[in-house]
Amino acid sequence: MKRRLVLWAFAGLLVASSWVLLSLVIPLWSQPLLWTLAQLSCPIVLFSHFAIQWYWVILSNAPVYLVLGAMVEGFIRLARLRSESV
């Protein structure tokens, strides 16, 4: 399970890095659909009225995805336990 959680954290880094690279090419806030997707996949972007450096967006997304992965993995484990007991 630890390896899967590391993969979840790496996915968070990858998603945030992709958004940062894309924002260097085009301004995301001028594209409503892209800006909404960035806000959904990088929760720290919701606090964008503060001056946030790009590296904080990347670094803060890993723990968010780690917690999300822990919840998903917990639900999967719970579902497996329930299916085995029935």
C-alpha atoms as a PDB file:
ATOM      1  CA  MET A   1       0.000   0.000   0.000  1.00  0.00           C
ATOM      2  CA  LYS A   2       2.927   2.329   0.667  1.00  0.00           C
ATOM      3  CA  ARG A   3       4.031   2.063  -2.940  1.00  0.00           C
ATOM      4  CA  ARG A   4       0.575   2.986  -4.173  1.00  0.00           C
ATOM      5  CA  LEU A   5       0.537   6.027  -1.905  1.00  0.00           C
ATOM      6  CA  VAL A   6       3.894   7.099  -3.292  1.00  0.00           C
ATOM      7  CA  LEU A   7       2.409   6.729  -6.776  1.00  0.00           C
ATOM      8  CA  TRP A   8      -0.524   8.922  -5.737  1.00  0.00           C
ATOM      9  CA  ALA A   9       1.894  11.598  -4.484  1.00  0.00           C
ATOM     10  CA  PHE A  10       3.918  11.334  -7.696  1.00  0.00           C
ATOM     11  CA  ALA A  11       0.700  11.752  -9.686  1.00  0.00           C
ATOM     12  CA  GLY A  12       0.041  14.957  -7.737  1.00  0.00           C
ATOM     13  CA  LEU A  13       3.505  16.233  -8.614  1.00  0.00           C
ATOM     14  CA  LEU A  14       2.988  15.306 -12.244  1.00  0.00           C
ATOM     15  CA  VAL A  15      -0.410  17.004 -12.493  1.00  0.00           C
ATOM     16  CA  ALA A  16       0.815  20.205 -10.850  1.00  0.00           C
ATOM     17  CA  SER A  17       3.978  20.257 -12.967  1.00  0.00           C
ATOM     18  CA  SER A  18       1.889  19.882 -16.111  1.00  0.00           C
ATOM     19  CA  TRP A  19      -0.323  22.811 -15.134  1.00  0.00           C
ATOM     20  CA  VAL A  20       2.693  24.970 -14.319  1.00  0.00           C
ATOM     21  CA  LEU A  21       4.317  24.186 -17.678  1.00  0.00           C
ATOM     22  CA  LEU A  22       1.065  24.866 -19.501  1.00  0.00           C
ATOM     23  CA  SER A  23       0.621  28.157 -17.655  1.00  0.00           C
ATOM     24  CA  LEU A  24       4.053  29.241 -18.873  1.00  0.00           C
ATOM     25  CA  VAL A  25       2.873  28.759 -22.463  1.00  0.00           C
ATOM     26  CA  ILE A  26      -0.621  30.237 -22.202  1.00  0.00           C
ATOM     27  CA  PRO A  27      -2.284  32.251 -19.430  1.00  0.00           C
ATOM     28  CA  LEU A  28      -4.706  29.805 -17.803  1.00  0.00           C
ATOM     29  CA  TRP A  29      -6.879  32.457 -16.162  1.00  0.00           C
ATOM     30  CA  SER A  30      -7.887  33.732 -19.594  1.00  0.00           C
ATOM     31  CA  GLN A  31      -9.216  30.267 -20.526  1.00  0.00           C
ATOM     32  CA  PRO A  32     -12.234  29.522 -18.280  1.00  0.00           C
ATOM     33  CA  LEU A  33     -12.311  25.762 -18.917  1.00  0.00           C
ATOM     34  CA  LEU A  34      -8.592  25.273 -18.329  1.00  0.00           C
ATOM     35  CA  TRP A  35      -8.673  27.480 -15.232  1.00  0.00           C
ATOM     36  CA  THR A  36     -11.557  25.434 -13.787  1.00  0.00           C
ATOM     37  CA  LEU A  37      -9.702  22.174 -14.458  1.00  0.00           C
ATOM     38  CA  ALA A  38      -6.561  23.581 -12.836  1.00  0.00           C
ATOM     39  CA  GLN A  39      -8.557  24.599  -9.766  1.00  0.00           C
ATOM     40  CA  LEU A  40     -10.116  21.155  -9.478  1.00  0.00           C
ATOM     41  CA  SER A  41      -6.853  19.248  -9.859  1.00  0.00           C
ATOM     42  CA  CYS A  42      -4.649  21.655  -7.836  1.00  0.00           C
ATOM     43  CA  PRO A  43      -6.579  22.844  -4.773  1.00  0.00           C
ATOM     44  CA  ILE A  44      -3.976  25.455  -3.796  1.00  0.00           C
ATOM     45  CA  VAL A  45      -4.929  27.371  -6.948  1.00  0.00           C
ATOM     46  CA  LEU A  46      -8.183  28.212  -5.145  1.00  0.00           C
ATOM     47  CA  PHE A  47      -6.060  30.544  -3.004  1.00  0.00           C
ATOM     48  CA  SER A  48      -4.761  32.315  -6.093  1.00  0.00           C
ATOM     49  CA  HIS A  49      -5.714  35.738  -4.783  1.00  0.00           C
ATOM     50  CA  PHE A  50      -2.526  35.401  -2.721  1.00  0.00           C
ATOM     51  CA  ALA A  51       0.839  35.537  -4.433  1.00  0.00           C
ATOM     52  CA  ILE A  52       1.794  31.864  -4.720  1.00  0.00           C
ATOM     53  CA  GLN A  53       5.028  30.854  -6.353  1.00  0.00           C
ATOM     54  CA  TRP A  54       4.893  28.062  -8.916  1.00  0.00           C
ATOM     55  CA  TYR A  55       7.058  25.703  -6.850  1.00  0.00           C
ATOM     56  CA  TRP A  56       4.582  25.888  -3.937  1.00  0.00           C
ATOM     57  CA  VAL A  57       1.826  24.769  -6.285  1.00  0.00           C
ATOM     58  CA  ILE A  58       3.866  21.707  -7.238  1.00  0.00           C
ATOM     59  CA  LEU A  59       5.016  20.905  -3.696  1.00  0.00           C
ATOM     60  CA  SER A  60       1.594  21.351  -2.112  1.00  0.00           C
ATOM     61  CA  ASN A  61      -0.174  19.138  -4.624  1.00  0.00           C
ATOM     62  CA  ALA A  62       1.763  16.014  -3.602  1.00  0.00           C
ATOM     63  CA  PRO A  63       0.375  15.874  -0.032  1.00  0.00           C
ATOM     64  CA  VAL A  64      -3.130  16.601  -1.297  1.00  0.00           C
ATOM     65  CA  TYR A  65      -2.969  13.669  -3.687  1.00  0.00           C
ATOM     66  CA  LEU A  66      -1.351  11.537  -0.968  1.00  0.00           C
ATOM     67  CA  VAL A  67      -4.331  12.110   1.345  1.00  0.00           C
ATOM     68  CA  LEU A  68      -6.743  11.547  -1.533  1.00  0.00           C
ATOM     69  CA  GLY A  69      -4.932   8.314  -2.396  1.00  0.00           C
ATOM     70  CA  ALA A  70      -5.037   7.155   1.226  1.00  0.00           C
ATOM     71  CA  MET A  71      -8.800   7.664   1.280  1.00  0.00           C
ATOM     72  CA  VAL A  72      -9.309   5.853  -2.032  1.00  0.00           C
ATOM     73  CA  GLU A  73      -7.049   2.974  -1.001  1.00  0.00           C
ATOM     74  CA  GLY A  74      -8.894   2.736   2.322  1.00  0.00           C
ATOM     75  CA  PHE A  75     -12.239   2.507   0.534  1.00  0.00           C
ATOM     76  CA  ILE A  76     -10.860  -0.145  -1.805  1.00  0.00           C
ATOM     77  CA  ARG A  77      -9.536  -2.166   1.131  1.00  0.00           C
ATOM     78  CA  LEU A  78     -12.880  -1.822   2.927  1.00  0.00           C
ATOM     79  CA  ALA A  79     -14.757  -2.992  -0.164  1.00  0.00           C
ATOM     80  CA  ARG A  80     -12.461  -6.022  -0.488  1.00  0.00           C
ATOM     81  CA  LEU A  81     -13.001  -6.938   3.159  1.00  0.00           C
ATOM     82  CA  ARG A  82     -16.754  -6.666   2.778  1.00  0.00           C
ATOM     83  CA  SER A  83     -16.800  -8.787  -0.375  1.00  0.00           C
ATOM     84  CA  GLU A  84     -14.679 -11.487   1.305  1.00  0.00           C
ATOM     85  CA  SER A  85     -16.936 -11.624   4.353  1.00  0.00           C
ATOM     86  CA  VAL A  86     -20.116 -12.096   2.307  1.00  0.00           C
END
